[in-house]
């Protein structure tokens, strides 16, 4: 079973994504900050990471950049998830190493399809 690490500082969003993905058959791990997400990724080596952008401390772009530069985690696809639908944020996220970008609110079927797609690549 594929494991998805969800990194988001909002308990509501963590719960929402976790329920959505578990109903679709994924195992999930959660982290409530960029720093905790990095630790979890290095320890658990998930199959995919959902990364919120706006978080206190290390933001999602910074965490994604560290993940993609670390040989232990560089092969894990990162999907940026944000409340902003701005082309500059999408470009910036991709430059940091994200493989996809989704804008909240998230449709469960679209998220599941995207996760399956990036894991198959």
N, C-alpha and C. Protein backbone atom coordinates (compact mmCIF):
# COMPACT_ATOMS: atom_id res chain seq x y z
N UNK A 1 0.83 -1.17 0.00
CA UNK A 1 0.00 0.00 0.00
C UNK A 1 0.88 1.25 0.00
N UNK A 2 0.55 2.21 -0.82
CA UNK A 2 1.34 3.43 -0.93
C UNK A 2 1.15 4.31 0.30
N UNK A 3 2.23 4.97 0.70
CA UNK A 3 2.22 5.85 1.86
C UNK A 3 2.37 7.29 1.40
N UNK A 4 1.46 8.16 1.86
CA UNK A 4 1.51 9.59 1.54
C UNK A 4 1.75 10.36 2.83
N UNK A 5 2.76 11.22 2.81
CA UNK A 5 3.05 12.11 3.93
C UNK A 5 2.36 13.44 3.64
N UNK A 6 1.53 13.88 4.58
CA UNK A 6 0.81 15.14 4.46
C UNK A 6 1.46 16.14 5.40
N UNK A 7 1.95 17.25 4.85
CA UNK A 7 2.59 18.28 5.65
C UNK A 7 1.76 19.54 5.56
N UNK A 8 1.13 19.91 6.68
CA UNK A 8 0.25 21.07 6.72
C UNK A 8 0.12 21.52 8.17
N UNK A 9 0.14 22.81 8.42
CA UNK A 9 0.05 23.31 9.78
C UNK A 9 -1.40 23.40 10.29
N UNK A 10 -2.36 23.17 9.45
CA UNK A 10 -3.77 23.23 9.85
C UNK A 10 -4.28 21.84 10.24
N UNK A 11 -4.69 21.67 11.51
CA UNK A 11 -5.24 20.37 11.91
C UNK A 11 -6.46 19.98 11.08
N UNK A 12 -7.25 20.95 10.69
CA UNK A 12 -8.44 20.68 9.87
C UNK A 12 -8.03 20.12 8.51
N UNK A 13 -7.07 20.76 7.87
CA UNK A 13 -6.60 20.30 6.56
C UNK A 13 -5.95 18.92 6.67
N UNK A 14 -5.14 18.72 7.71
CA UNK A 14 -4.51 17.40 7.91
C UNK A 14 -5.58 16.33 8.00
N UNK A 15 -6.59 16.57 8.81
CA UNK A 15 -7.67 15.60 9.00
C UNK A 15 -8.42 15.36 7.68
N UNK A 16 -8.73 16.43 6.97
CA UNK A 16 -9.45 16.33 5.70
C UNK A 16 -8.67 15.48 4.69
N UNK A 17 -7.40 15.81 4.48
CA UNK A 17 -6.58 15.07 3.52
C UNK A 17 -6.37 13.63 3.96
N UNK A 18 -6.15 13.43 5.25
CA UNK A 18 -5.94 12.08 5.76
C UNK A 18 -7.17 11.21 5.50
N UNK A 19 -8.35 11.72 5.82
CA UNK A 19 -9.58 10.96 5.57
C UNK A 19 -9.78 10.68 4.08
N UNK A 20 -9.55 11.71 3.27
CA UNK A 20 -9.72 11.59 1.82
C UNK A 20 -8.82 10.47 1.26
N UNK A 21 -7.57 10.48 1.68
CA UNK A 21 -6.61 9.52 1.14
C UNK A 21 -6.80 8.12 1.70
N UNK A 22 -7.14 8.01 2.97
CA UNK A 22 -7.37 6.69 3.54
C UNK A 22 -8.59 6.03 2.94
N UNK A 23 -9.62 6.80 2.62
CA UNK A 23 -10.80 6.25 1.93
C UNK A 23 -10.43 5.74 0.54
N UNK A 24 -9.40 6.34 -0.06
CA UNK A 24 -8.96 5.92 -1.39
C UNK A 24 -7.95 4.78 -1.32
N UNK A 25 -7.63 4.31 -0.12
CA UNK A 25 -6.76 3.15 0.03
C UNK A 25 -5.29 3.45 0.32
N UNK A 26 -4.95 4.69 0.57
CA UNK A 26 -3.56 5.05 0.90
C UNK A 26 -3.34 4.96 2.41
N UNK A 27 -2.12 4.65 2.79
CA UNK A 27 -1.69 4.83 4.17
C UNK A 27 -1.19 6.25 4.27
N UNK A 28 -1.38 6.90 5.41
CA UNK A 28 -0.96 8.28 5.55
C UNK A 28 -0.10 8.50 6.78
N UNK A 29 0.76 9.48 6.67
CA UNK A 29 1.53 10.01 7.78
C UNK A 29 1.26 11.50 7.78
N UNK A 30 1.32 12.15 8.93
CA UNK A 30 1.08 13.59 8.98
C UNK A 30 2.20 14.29 9.73
N UNK A 31 2.44 15.53 9.33
CA UNK A 31 3.39 16.41 10.01
C UNK A 31 2.80 17.81 9.98
N UNK A 32 2.94 18.54 11.09
CA UNK A 32 2.30 19.85 11.18
C UNK A 32 3.25 21.02 10.95
N UNK A 33 4.44 20.74 10.43
CA UNK A 33 5.38 21.82 10.09
C UNK A 33 6.37 21.31 9.05
N UNK A 34 7.03 22.26 8.40
CA UNK A 34 8.05 21.87 7.43
C UNK A 34 9.17 21.07 8.07
N UNK A 35 9.59 21.49 9.27
CA UNK A 35 10.66 20.80 9.98
C UNK A 35 10.29 19.37 10.32
N UNK A 36 9.06 19.19 10.86
CA UNK A 36 8.60 17.85 11.19
C UNK A 36 8.41 17.00 9.94
N UNK A 37 7.98 17.63 8.86
CA UNK A 37 7.82 16.93 7.60
C UNK A 37 9.14 16.38 7.07
N UNK A 38 10.20 17.19 7.18
CA UNK A 38 11.52 16.73 6.75
C UNK A 38 11.95 15.51 7.54
N UNK A 39 11.77 15.56 8.85
CA UNK A 39 12.13 14.41 9.70
C UNK A 39 11.33 13.18 9.31
N UNK A 40 10.03 13.35 9.13
CA UNK A 40 9.17 12.21 8.79
C UNK A 40 9.54 11.63 7.43
N UNK A 41 9.86 12.48 6.46
CA UNK A 41 10.24 12.00 5.13
C UNK A 41 11.53 11.20 5.19
N UNK A 42 12.48 11.68 5.96
CA UNK A 42 13.77 10.99 6.07
C UNK A 42 13.64 9.66 6.81
N UNK A 43 12.75 9.62 7.77
CA UNK A 43 12.56 8.40 8.57
C UNK A 43 11.70 7.37 7.85
N UNK A 44 10.57 7.80 7.33
CA UNK A 44 9.58 6.87 6.76
C UNK A 44 9.73 6.65 5.27
N UNK A 45 10.38 7.55 4.57
CA UNK A 45 10.54 7.52 3.12
C UNK A 45 9.20 7.17 2.42
N UNK A 46 8.23 8.10 2.50
CA UNK A 46 6.91 7.84 1.89
C UNK A 46 6.99 7.79 0.37
N UNK A 47 5.92 7.34 -0.24
CA UNK A 47 5.85 7.24 -1.70
C UNK A 47 5.53 8.58 -2.36
N UNK A 48 4.91 9.49 -1.60
CA UNK A 48 4.53 10.80 -2.12
C UNK A 48 4.36 11.75 -0.94
N UNK A 49 4.54 13.06 -1.19
CA UNK A 49 4.37 14.07 -0.14
C UNK A 49 3.41 15.14 -0.65
N UNK A 50 2.42 15.48 0.19
CA UNK A 50 1.56 16.65 -0.06
C UNK A 50 2.10 17.76 0.82
N UNK A 51 2.44 18.90 0.23
CA UNK A 51 3.12 19.97 0.95
C UNK A 51 2.32 21.27 0.90
N UNK A 52 1.87 21.73 2.07
CA UNK A 52 1.26 23.06 2.16
C UNK A 52 2.36 24.09 1.94
N UNK A 53 2.00 25.26 1.44
CA UNK A 53 2.99 26.31 1.21
C UNK A 53 3.16 27.20 2.43
N UNK A 54 2.05 27.75 2.90
CA UNK A 54 2.12 28.75 3.97
C UNK A 54 2.09 28.06 5.33
N UNK A 55 3.26 28.03 5.98
CA UNK A 55 3.38 27.47 7.32
C UNK A 55 4.36 28.34 8.10
N UNK A 56 4.17 28.43 9.42
CA UNK A 56 5.14 29.19 10.21
C UNK A 56 6.48 28.46 10.23
N UNK A 57 7.53 29.22 10.44
CA UNK A 57 8.86 28.61 10.42
C UNK A 57 9.24 28.31 8.99
N UNK A 58 9.62 27.07 8.73
CA UNK A 58 10.00 26.66 7.38
C UNK A 58 8.74 26.51 6.52
N UNK A 59 8.64 27.30 5.44
CA UNK A 59 7.47 27.19 4.58
C UNK A 59 7.61 26.00 3.63
N UNK A 60 6.55 25.75 2.88
CA UNK A 60 6.53 24.59 2.00
C UNK A 60 7.55 24.64 0.88
N UNK A 61 7.84 25.83 0.37
CA UNK A 61 8.86 25.95 -0.68
C UNK A 61 10.24 25.59 -0.12
N UNK A 62 10.55 26.09 1.07
CA UNK A 62 11.84 25.79 1.69
C UNK A 62 11.97 24.30 1.99
N UNK A 63 10.92 23.70 2.53
CA UNK A 63 10.95 22.27 2.85
C UNK A 63 11.09 21.44 1.58
N UNK A 64 10.38 21.82 0.52
CA UNK A 64 10.47 21.09 -0.75
C UNK A 64 11.89 21.17 -1.31
N UNK A 65 12.48 22.34 -1.26
CA UNK A 65 13.85 22.51 -1.75
C UNK A 65 14.81 21.59 -0.98
N UNK A 66 14.66 21.52 0.35
CA UNK A 66 15.54 20.64 1.14
C UNK A 66 15.31 19.18 0.80
N UNK A 67 14.05 18.80 0.62
CA UNK A 67 13.75 17.41 0.28
C UNK A 67 14.37 17.00 -1.05
N UNK A 68 14.28 17.88 -2.04
CA UNK A 68 14.77 17.53 -3.38
C UNK A 68 16.30 17.58 -3.47
N UNK A 69 16.94 18.25 -2.53
CA UNK A 69 18.41 18.32 -2.52
C UNK A 69 19.05 17.24 -1.65
N UNK A 70 18.26 16.56 -0.86
CA UNK A 70 18.76 15.52 0.04
C UNK A 70 18.70 14.17 -0.70
N UNK A 71 19.84 13.50 -0.86
CA UNK A 71 19.82 12.22 -1.57
C UNK A 71 18.87 11.18 -0.98
N UNK A 72 18.59 11.26 0.32
CA UNK A 72 17.68 10.31 0.97
C UNK A 72 16.22 10.53 0.55
N UNK A 73 15.88 11.75 0.16
CA UNK A 73 14.47 12.07 -0.13
C UNK A 73 14.25 12.63 -1.53
N UNK A 74 15.30 12.79 -2.29
CA UNK A 74 15.20 13.44 -3.61
C UNK A 74 14.25 12.72 -4.57
N UNK A 75 14.07 11.43 -4.42
CA UNK A 75 13.22 10.68 -5.33
C UNK A 75 11.74 10.66 -4.95
N UNK A 76 11.39 11.30 -3.85
CA UNK A 76 9.99 11.31 -3.42
C UNK A 76 9.27 12.47 -4.10
N UNK A 77 8.23 12.19 -4.87
CA UNK A 77 7.50 13.28 -5.52
C UNK A 77 6.75 14.15 -4.51
N UNK A 78 6.85 15.46 -4.70
CA UNK A 78 6.18 16.43 -3.83
C UNK A 78 5.11 17.16 -4.63
N UNK A 79 3.91 17.18 -4.08
CA UNK A 79 2.80 17.94 -4.67
C UNK A 79 2.54 19.13 -3.75
N UNK A 80 2.70 20.32 -4.29
CA UNK A 80 2.43 21.54 -3.54
C UNK A 80 0.92 21.77 -3.49
N UNK A 81 0.42 22.07 -2.29
CA UNK A 81 -1.00 22.38 -2.13
C UNK A 81 -1.09 23.74 -1.45
N UNK A 82 -1.85 24.64 -2.06
CA UNK A 82 -1.95 25.99 -1.53
C UNK A 82 -3.34 26.57 -1.72
N UNK A 83 -3.63 27.60 -0.96
CA UNK A 83 -4.92 28.30 -1.10
C UNK A 83 -4.85 29.36 -2.18
N UNK A 84 -3.64 29.68 -2.66
CA UNK A 84 -3.47 30.72 -3.66
C UNK A 84 -3.42 30.11 -5.06
N UNK A 85 -4.12 30.70 -5.99
CA UNK A 85 -4.05 30.26 -7.37
C UNK A 85 -3.28 31.33 -8.15
N UNK A 86 -1.98 31.35 -7.92
CA UNK A 86 -1.14 32.34 -8.57
C UNK A 86 -0.06 31.64 -9.40
N UNK A 87 0.09 32.06 -10.62
CA UNK A 87 1.07 31.45 -11.51
C UNK A 87 2.49 31.57 -10.95
N UNK A 88 2.79 32.68 -10.28
CA UNK A 88 4.15 32.83 -9.73
C UNK A 88 4.41 31.80 -8.64
N UNK A 89 3.40 31.48 -7.82
CA UNK A 89 3.58 30.45 -6.79
C UNK A 89 3.79 29.08 -7.43
N UNK A 90 3.05 28.81 -8.49
CA UNK A 90 3.20 27.53 -9.18
C UNK A 90 4.62 27.41 -9.76
N UNK A 91 5.08 28.44 -10.41
CA UNK A 91 6.43 28.43 -11.00
C UNK A 91 7.47 28.28 -9.90
N UNK A 92 7.30 29.03 -8.81
CA UNK A 92 8.26 28.96 -7.71
C UNK A 92 8.28 27.56 -7.10
N UNK A 93 7.11 26.96 -6.91
CA UNK A 93 7.05 25.62 -6.36
C UNK A 93 7.75 24.60 -7.23
N UNK A 94 7.55 24.71 -8.53
CA UNK A 94 8.20 23.78 -9.46
C UNK A 94 9.72 23.99 -9.46
N UNK A 95 10.15 25.22 -9.32
CA UNK A 95 11.60 25.49 -9.26
C UNK A 95 12.23 24.91 -8.00
N UNK A 96 11.45 24.75 -6.96
CA UNK A 96 11.97 24.18 -5.71
C UNK A 96 12.00 22.65 -5.77
N UNK A 97 11.39 22.07 -6.77
CA UNK A 97 11.43 20.63 -6.94
C UNK A 97 10.09 19.93 -6.89
N UNK A 98 9.01 20.66 -6.68
CA UNK A 98 7.69 20.02 -6.68
C UNK A 98 7.39 19.48 -8.08
N UNK A 99 6.64 18.39 -8.13
CA UNK A 99 6.30 17.81 -9.43
C UNK A 99 4.90 18.20 -9.89
N UNK A 100 4.06 18.65 -8.95
CA UNK A 100 2.70 19.09 -9.28
C UNK A 100 2.27 20.15 -8.29
N UNK A 101 1.12 20.77 -8.60
CA UNK A 101 0.62 21.91 -7.84
C UNK A 101 -0.90 21.87 -7.85
N UNK A 102 -1.53 21.91 -6.67
CA UNK A 102 -2.99 21.92 -6.56
C UNK A 102 -3.43 23.10 -5.70
N UNK A 103 -4.59 23.65 -6.04
CA UNK A 103 -5.15 24.78 -5.30
C UNK A 103 -6.35 24.30 -4.48
N UNK A 104 -6.38 24.70 -3.21
CA UNK A 104 -7.51 24.37 -2.33
C UNK A 104 -8.73 25.19 -2.76
N UNK A 105 -9.92 24.68 -2.61
CA UNK A 105 -10.28 23.38 -2.04
C UNK A 105 -9.97 22.25 -3.03
N UNK A 106 -9.59 21.13 -2.49
CA UNK A 106 -9.15 19.99 -3.28
C UNK A 106 -10.32 19.03 -3.52
N UNK A 107 -10.45 18.59 -4.74
CA UNK A 107 -11.43 17.56 -5.10
C UNK A 107 -10.74 16.21 -4.93
N UNK A 108 -11.36 15.32 -4.15
CA UNK A 108 -10.70 14.07 -3.80
C UNK A 108 -10.29 13.23 -5.01
N UNK A 109 -11.13 13.12 -6.01
CA UNK A 109 -10.79 12.32 -7.19
C UNK A 109 -9.60 12.89 -7.94
N UNK A 110 -9.52 14.20 -8.02
CA UNK A 110 -8.40 14.85 -8.70
C UNK A 110 -7.10 14.62 -7.92
N UNK A 111 -7.16 14.73 -6.59
CA UNK A 111 -5.99 14.51 -5.76
C UNK A 111 -5.49 13.08 -5.88
N UNK A 112 -6.39 12.13 -5.77
CA UNK A 112 -6.02 10.72 -5.87
C UNK A 112 -5.40 10.42 -7.24
N UNK A 113 -6.01 10.93 -8.30
CA UNK A 113 -5.48 10.72 -9.65
C UNK A 113 -4.08 11.33 -9.78
N UNK A 114 -3.88 12.52 -9.21
CA UNK A 114 -2.58 13.16 -9.30
C UNK A 114 -1.52 12.38 -8.52
N UNK A 115 -1.86 11.91 -7.33
CA UNK A 115 -0.91 11.11 -6.55
C UNK A 115 -0.53 9.86 -7.32
N UNK A 116 -1.51 9.15 -7.84
CA UNK A 116 -1.22 7.95 -8.62
C UNK A 116 -0.34 8.26 -9.83
N UNK A 117 -0.59 9.38 -10.46
CA UNK A 117 0.18 9.79 -11.64
C UNK A 117 1.64 10.08 -11.30
N UNK A 118 1.87 10.84 -10.23
CA UNK A 118 3.26 11.18 -9.89
C UNK A 118 4.02 9.98 -9.35
N UNK A 119 3.34 9.05 -8.72
CA UNK A 119 4.03 7.85 -8.23
C UNK A 119 4.36 6.91 -9.38
N UNK A 120 3.60 6.96 -10.45
CA UNK A 120 3.85 6.09 -11.60
C UNK A 120 4.98 6.63 -12.49
N UNK A 121 5.25 7.93 -12.39
CA UNK A 121 6.25 8.56 -13.26
C UNK A 121 7.66 8.12 -12.92
